[in-house]
Protein backbone atom coordinates (compact mmCIF):
# COMPACT_ATOMS: atom_id res chain seq x y z
CA UNK A 1 39.55 -13.97 7.80
CA UNK A 2 36.90 -12.15 9.86
CA UNK A 3 34.04 -13.87 11.67
CA UNK A 4 30.68 -12.62 12.87
CA UNK A 5 29.13 -13.17 16.31
CA UNK A 6 27.76 -16.59 15.30
CA UNK A 7 31.19 -17.90 14.31
CA UNK A 8 30.50 -17.74 10.57
CA UNK A 9 33.04 -16.12 8.30
CA UNK A 10 32.00 -12.57 7.41
CA UNK A 11 31.22 -12.26 3.70
CA UNK A 12 29.57 -8.86 3.91
CA UNK A 13 31.81 -7.40 1.23
CA UNK A 14 30.45 -9.64 -1.55
CA UNK A 15 26.94 -8.22 -1.16
CA UNK A 16 27.87 -4.58 -1.69
CA UNK A 17 29.75 -4.66 -5.00
CA UNK A 18 28.43 -2.95 -8.16
CA UNK A 19 27.73 -6.34 -9.80
CA UNK A 20 27.52 -10.05 -8.81
CA UNK A 21 30.97 -11.20 -9.93
CA UNK A 22 32.62 -11.05 -6.50
CA UNK A 23 29.58 -12.78 -4.98
CA UNK A 24 29.88 -15.79 -7.28
CA UNK A 25 33.69 -15.83 -7.33
CA UNK A 26 33.84 -16.11 -3.52
CA UNK A 27 30.96 -18.57 -3.14
CA UNK A 28 31.82 -20.95 -6.00
CA UNK A 29 34.74 -22.69 -4.21
CA UNK A 30 32.45 -23.15 -1.18
CA UNK A 31 29.85 -24.98 -3.27
CA UNK A 32 27.13 -22.50 -2.32
CA UNK A 33 23.92 -24.07 -3.61
CA UNK A 34 20.94 -23.24 -1.38
CA UNK A 35 19.10 -21.21 -4.09
CA UNK A 36 19.26 -24.26 -6.38
CA UNK A 37 18.08 -26.50 -3.53
CA UNK A 38 15.21 -24.09 -2.86
CA UNK A 39 14.13 -23.52 -6.47
CA UNK A 40 11.81 -26.54 -6.96
CA UNK A 41 10.19 -26.03 -3.55
CA UNK A 42 9.53 -22.37 -4.25
CA UNK A 43 8.24 -23.20 -7.74
CA UNK A 44 5.84 -25.78 -6.33
CA UNK A 45 4.55 -23.42 -3.65
CA UNK A 46 4.06 -20.62 -6.18
CA UNK A 47 2.06 -22.94 -8.43
CA UNK A 48 -0.05 -24.09 -5.47
CA UNK A 49 -0.73 -20.45 -4.60
CA UNK A 50 -1.73 -19.69 -8.21
CA UNK A 51 -4.24 -22.51 -8.18
CA UNK A 52 -5.57 -21.86 -4.68
CA UNK A 53 -5.91 -18.07 -4.90
CA UNK A 54 -6.51 -18.03 -8.67
CA UNK A 55 -3.81 -15.41 -9.10
CA UNK A 56 -2.27 -15.58 -12.58
CA UNK A 57 0.84 -13.50 -11.79
CA UNK A 58 1.75 -13.75 -8.09
CA UNK A 59 4.05 -11.22 -6.47
CA UNK A 60 6.96 -12.80 -4.61
CA UNK A 61 8.83 -10.81 -1.96
CA UNK A 62 12.40 -12.12 -1.57
CA UNK A 63 13.89 -11.05 1.77
CA UNK A 64 17.67 -10.69 1.62
CA UNK A 65 17.55 -10.98 -2.17
CA UNK A 66 21.04 -9.55 -2.83
CA UNK A 67 21.57 -9.61 -6.63
CA UNK A 68 18.21 -11.24 -7.39
CA UNK A 69 19.51 -14.80 -7.54
CA UNK A 70 16.20 -16.46 -6.61
CA UNK A 71 14.40 -14.27 -9.13
CA UNK A 72 16.82 -15.26 -11.90
CA UNK A 73 16.37 -18.94 -11.09
CA UNK A 74 12.58 -18.83 -10.89
CA UNK A 75 11.63 -16.24 -13.51
CA UNK A 76 14.12 -17.24 -16.20
CA UNK A 77 14.78 -20.87 -15.27
CA UNK A 78 18.51 -20.41 -14.81
CA UNK A 79 20.59 -22.70 -12.57
CA UNK A 80 23.38 -22.00 -10.13
CA UNK A 81 25.80 -23.82 -12.44
CA UNK A 82 24.77 -21.47 -15.24
CA UNK A 83 25.17 -18.39 -13.05
CA UNK A 84 28.60 -19.53 -11.81
CA UNK A 85 29.66 -19.94 -15.42
CA UNK A 86 28.09 -16.61 -16.35
CA UNK A 87 29.90 -14.56 -13.70
CA UNK A 88 33.10 -16.58 -13.21
CA UNK A 89 33.71 -17.96 -16.70
CA UNK A 90 33.96 -16.49 -20.18
CA UNK A 91 31.51 -14.57 -22.34
CA UNK A 92 30.08 -16.15 -25.50
CA UNK A 93 32.95 -14.68 -27.50
CA UNK A 94 35.54 -16.02 -25.06
CA UNK A 95 35.99 -12.80 -23.10
CA UNK A 96 36.45 -13.58 -19.40
CA UNK A 97 33.60 -12.23 -17.27
CA UNK A 98 36.21 -10.50 -15.13
CA UNK A 99 37.29 -8.42 -18.13
CA UNK A 100 33.80 -7.02 -18.86
CA UNK A 101 32.75 -3.62 -17.65
CA UNK A 102 29.69 -3.39 -15.43
CA UNK A 103 27.77 -1.96 -18.37
CA UNK A 104 28.78 -4.88 -20.61
CA UNK A 105 27.85 -7.41 -17.94
CA UNK A 106 24.54 -5.65 -17.36
CA UNK A 107 23.74 -5.60 -21.07
CA UNK A 108 24.34 -9.33 -21.23
CA UNK A 109 21.99 -9.93 -18.30
CA UNK A 110 19.35 -7.64 -19.77
CA UNK A 111 19.46 -9.73 -22.92
CA UNK A 112 18.91 -12.86 -20.80
CA UNK A 113 15.86 -11.24 -19.18
CA UNK A 114 14.44 -10.26 -22.57
CA UNK A 115 15.12 -13.56 -24.31
CA UNK A 116 13.85 -15.98 -21.67
CA UNK A 117 10.16 -15.43 -21.25
CA UNK A 118 8.87 -17.24 -18.16
CA UNK A 119 6.30 -19.98 -18.74
CA UNK A 120 4.09 -18.33 -16.11
CA UNK A 121 3.97 -14.64 -15.23
CA UNK A 122 5.72 -13.87 -11.96
CA UNK A 123 6.55 -10.58 -10.29
CA UNK A 124 9.56 -10.32 -7.95
CA UNK A 125 10.15 -7.66 -5.32
CA UNK A 126 13.48 -7.69 -3.50
CA UNK A 127 14.13 -6.48 0.04
CA UNK A 128 17.74 -5.91 1.03
CA UNK A 129 20.06 -3.51 2.85
CA UNK A 130 22.51 -3.39 -0.09
CA UNK A 131 21.71 -0.58 -2.52
CA UNK A 132 24.31 -1.72 -5.11
CA UNK A 133 22.96 -5.28 -5.21
CA UNK A 134 19.37 -4.07 -5.55
CA UNK A 135 20.33 -1.61 -8.27
CA UNK A 136 22.03 -4.31 -10.33
CA UNK A 137 19.19 -6.83 -9.91
CA UNK A 138 16.62 -4.23 -10.94
CA UNK A 139 18.58 -2.90 -13.93
CA UNK A 140 19.24 -6.46 -15.11
CA UNK A 141 15.52 -7.21 -15.09
CA UNK A 142 15.69 -9.87 -12.39
CA UNK A 143 13.68 -7.80 -9.91
CA UNK A 144 10.54 -5.87 -10.81
CA UNK A 145 10.85 -3.64 -7.75
CA UNK A 146 13.36 -3.17 -4.94
CA UNK A 147 12.95 -2.11 -1.33
CA UNK A 148 16.19 -0.72 0.10
CA UNK A 149 15.60 -0.91 3.84
CA UNK A 150 16.86 -2.31 7.12
CA UNK A 151 13.60 -3.29 8.81
CA UNK A 152 15.47 -4.74 11.76
CA UNK A 153 16.53 -1.22 12.66
CA UNK A 154 13.99 1.10 11.06
CA UNK A 155 10.26 1.42 10.61
CA UNK A 156 9.28 1.22 6.94
CA UNK A 157 8.48 4.52 5.26
CA UNK A 158 5.13 5.08 3.59
CA UNK A 159 6.71 4.34 0.21
CA UNK A 160 8.34 1.16 1.49
CA UNK A 161 5.06 -0.06 2.98
CA UNK A 162 3.40 0.53 -0.39
CA UNK A 163 6.15 -1.49 -2.11
CA UNK A 164 5.78 -4.33 0.38
CA UNK A 165 1.99 -4.35 0.15
CA UNK A 166 0.38 -6.86 -2.17
CA UNK A 167 2.95 -9.62 -1.65
CA UNK A 168 1.40 -13.01 -2.38
CA UNK A 169 4.38 -15.03 -1.18
CA UNK A 170 7.40 -14.22 0.99
CA UNK A 171 10.59 -16.27 0.61
CA UNK A 172 14.18 -16.30 1.89
CA UNK A 173 17.24 -18.50 1.47
CA UNK A 174 19.53 -17.99 4.41
CA UNK A 175 19.00 -14.50 5.79
CA UNK A 176 16.72 -15.48 8.69
CA UNK A 177 18.81 -15.56 11.81
CA UNK A 178 20.34 -12.24 10.87
CA UNK A 179 16.89 -11.02 9.86
CA UNK A 180 14.36 -11.72 12.61
CA UNK A 181 10.65 -11.73 13.31
CA UNK A 182 10.84 -7.93 13.48
CA UNK A 183 11.27 -7.68 9.71
CA UNK A 184 8.56 -10.26 9.05
CA UNK A 185 6.17 -8.37 11.29
CA UNK A 186 6.74 -5.19 9.27
CA UNK A 187 6.13 -7.15 6.06
CA UNK A 188 2.87 -8.69 7.30
CA UNK A 189 1.57 -5.40 8.67
CA UNK A 190 2.22 -3.72 5.31
CA UNK A 191 -0.33 -6.02 3.65
CA UNK A 192 -3.94 -5.04 3.26
CA UNK A 193 -5.58 -7.82 5.23
CA UNK A 194 -4.54 -10.89 3.20
CA UNK A 195 -1.63 -12.81 4.69
CA UNK A 196 1.02 -13.89 2.18
CA UNK A 197 2.21 -17.50 2.16
CA UNK A 198 5.81 -17.92 3.33
CA UNK A 199 8.72 -20.28 2.74
CA UNK A 200 12.02 -19.77 4.56
CA UNK A 201 15.23 -21.80 4.35
CA UNK A 202 16.89 -21.26 7.73
CA UNK A 203 20.33 -22.46 8.83
CA UNK A 204 20.03 -25.02 11.62
CA UNK A 205 22.31 -22.95 13.82
CA UNK A 206 19.54 -20.35 14.15
CA UNK A 207 16.49 -21.14 16.31
CA UNK A 208 13.23 -20.64 14.42
CA UNK A 209 10.96 -20.70 17.48
CA UNK A 210 10.84 -16.90 17.97
CA UNK A 211 9.85 -16.45 14.32
CA UNK A 212 7.25 -19.20 14.48
CA UNK A 213 5.75 -17.78 17.68
CA UNK A 214 5.47 -14.32 16.14
CA UNK A 215 3.93 -15.66 12.94
CA UNK A 216 1.44 -17.65 15.01
CA UNK A 217 0.31 -14.47 16.74
CA UNK A 218 -0.05 -12.83 13.33
CA UNK A 219 -2.37 -15.63 12.18
CA UNK A 220 -0.07 -18.28 10.68
CA UNK A 221 0.40 -21.99 11.05
CA UNK A 222 3.99 -23.15 10.39
CA UNK A 223 5.34 -26.59 9.55
CA UNK A 224 8.85 -27.82 8.83
CA UNK A 225 9.57 -29.89 5.74
CA UNK A 226 11.39 -33.13 6.48
CA UNK A 227 15.11 -33.31 5.81
CA UNK A 228 17.85 -30.70 5.53
CA UNK A 229 19.38 -28.77 2.65
CA UNK A 230 23.06 -28.04 2.09
CA UNK A 231 23.90 -24.36 1.96
CA UNK A 232 27.69 -24.29 1.47
CA UNK A 233 30.91 -25.80 2.72
CA UNK A 234 32.66 -24.24 5.68
CA UNK A 235 35.23 -21.69 4.60
CA UNK A 236 37.84 -23.01 7.04
CA UNK A 237 38.29 -25.45 9.94
CA UNK A 238 38.14 -22.42 12.24
CA UNK A 239 34.72 -21.43 10.93
CA UNK A 240 33.46 -24.99 11.33
CA UNK A 241 34.74 -25.23 14.91
CA UNK A 242 33.13 -21.92 15.86
CA UNK A 243 29.79 -22.78 14.27
CA UNK A 244 29.75 -26.21 15.94
CA UNK A 245 30.36 -24.47 19.23
CA UNK A 246 27.44 -22.12 18.57
CA UNK A 247 25.22 -25.08 17.70
CA UNK A 248 26.27 -27.00 20.78
CA UNK A 249 25.38 -24.02 22.98
CA UNK A 250 21.94 -23.98 21.31
CA UNK A 251 21.45 -27.70 21.85
CA UNK A 252 21.57 -28.61 18.14
CA UNK A 253 23.29 -31.88 17.23
CA UNK A 254 25.60 -31.44 14.19
CA UNK A 255 26.45 -35.17 13.87
CA UNK A 256 26.26 -36.33 10.24
CA UNK A 257 25.51 -32.81 9.01
CA UNK A 258 27.55 -29.74 9.95
CA UNK A 259 30.15 -32.01 11.55
CA UNK A 260 30.79 -33.42 8.07
CA UNK A 261 31.76 -30.05 6.63
CA UNK A 262 28.60 -28.38 5.29
CA UNK A 263 26.22 -25.78 6.68
CA UNK A 264 22.68 -27.16 6.54
CA UNK A 265 19.32 -25.38 6.40
CA UNK A 266 15.75 -26.43 7.12
CA UNK A 267 12.64 -25.34 5.23
CA UNK A 268 9.73 -23.81 7.12
CA UNK A 269 6.37 -23.20 5.43
CA UNK A 270 3.89 -20.74 6.91
CA UNK A 271 0.33 -20.30 5.70
CA UNK A 272 -2.63 -18.45 7.21
CA UNK A 273 -4.18 -20.64 9.89
CA UNK A 274 -7.38 -22.31 8.77
CA UNK A 275 -6.67 -21.86 5.06
CA UNK A 276 -9.51 -24.09 3.90
CA UNK A 277 -8.77 -26.26 0.92
CA UNK A 278 -5.08 -25.35 0.74
CA UNK A 279 -2.61 -28.06 -0.30
CA UNK A 280 -0.97 -30.17 2.38
CA UNK A 281 1.26 -28.12 4.65
CA UNK A 282 4.18 -30.47 4.10
CA UNK A 283 4.44 -30.81 0.31
CA UNK A 284 5.58 -33.89 -1.49
CA UNK A 285 9.04 -33.73 -2.98
CA UNK A 286 8.93 -31.44 -6.03
CA UNK A 287 9.24 -32.96 -9.46
CA UNK A 288 12.53 -31.20 -10.25
CA UNK A 289 15.40 -32.85 -8.35
CA UNK A 290 17.58 -30.62 -6.23
CA UNK A 291 21.18 -30.46 -7.38
CA UNK A 292 24.24 -29.06 -5.68
CA UNK A 293 26.57 -27.37 -8.18
CA UNK A 294 30.02 -28.93 -8.26
CA UNK A 295 32.57 -26.12 -7.94
CA UNK A 296 35.28 -28.44 -9.26
CA UNK A 297 33.41 -29.21 -12.47
CA UNK A 298 34.59 -27.39 -15.55
CA UNK A 299 32.21 -24.54 -16.34
CA UNK A 300 31.24 -24.30 -19.99
């Protein structure tokens, strides 16, 4: 088991496969659920943006989108339980997902995209360093456009800036910490004057201050939503010990949270400073309850 510099187990290989099966197969036993936790908060923010800006079909930029999981949840109202069953269970005719070819799996997902028309129009653009994940998400119909770039390392090309431009909202569910304010700066500067609203779920082990400071200089006001959100279980006692050590060095108290066996994230909302008439910065709990998928429950 390999670990990265933060002490977390390295799962890089699951993001670079031709389709999402390895991603879900590895993450299911760990109870990975942050996209499901995030879904109602994102949905509420998107609706608030629609009403405030009077934009019928907002464009959402998902940073670190991998296989378009957030897009599948929000555009087609899927759930993480459904996706675990879809990629780890059996097909409708009883064929195990593992036995399908990529083309057969893709055809099934394209049918999902065609058959589930979203209640409200929504356009999703994905930004990721994994070309295979972006290709699958785009071919499946989860993403409307894909930006294959490492904006931590490189300046965006003219084409990439054009793809990033026009984002109404920018979201992420766990990549900040590996992705920094450098990427967000590129995203903001690619816009044509209007600052997109942002919502980022960030693991507590990663300090958000540098990001908040940069966003402030770019014209944002950031607030943190009360509470924390489970991301996944630790993969091993060794991973937990290493992450707790990283958190201790950063002055973050893991008692009752990470010390109990789960990685936890916090939600940060950033809107343009002085956005007159915008909804409250710290939204009320969304109507849809957050649910953590149970990896031990039988998938049907």
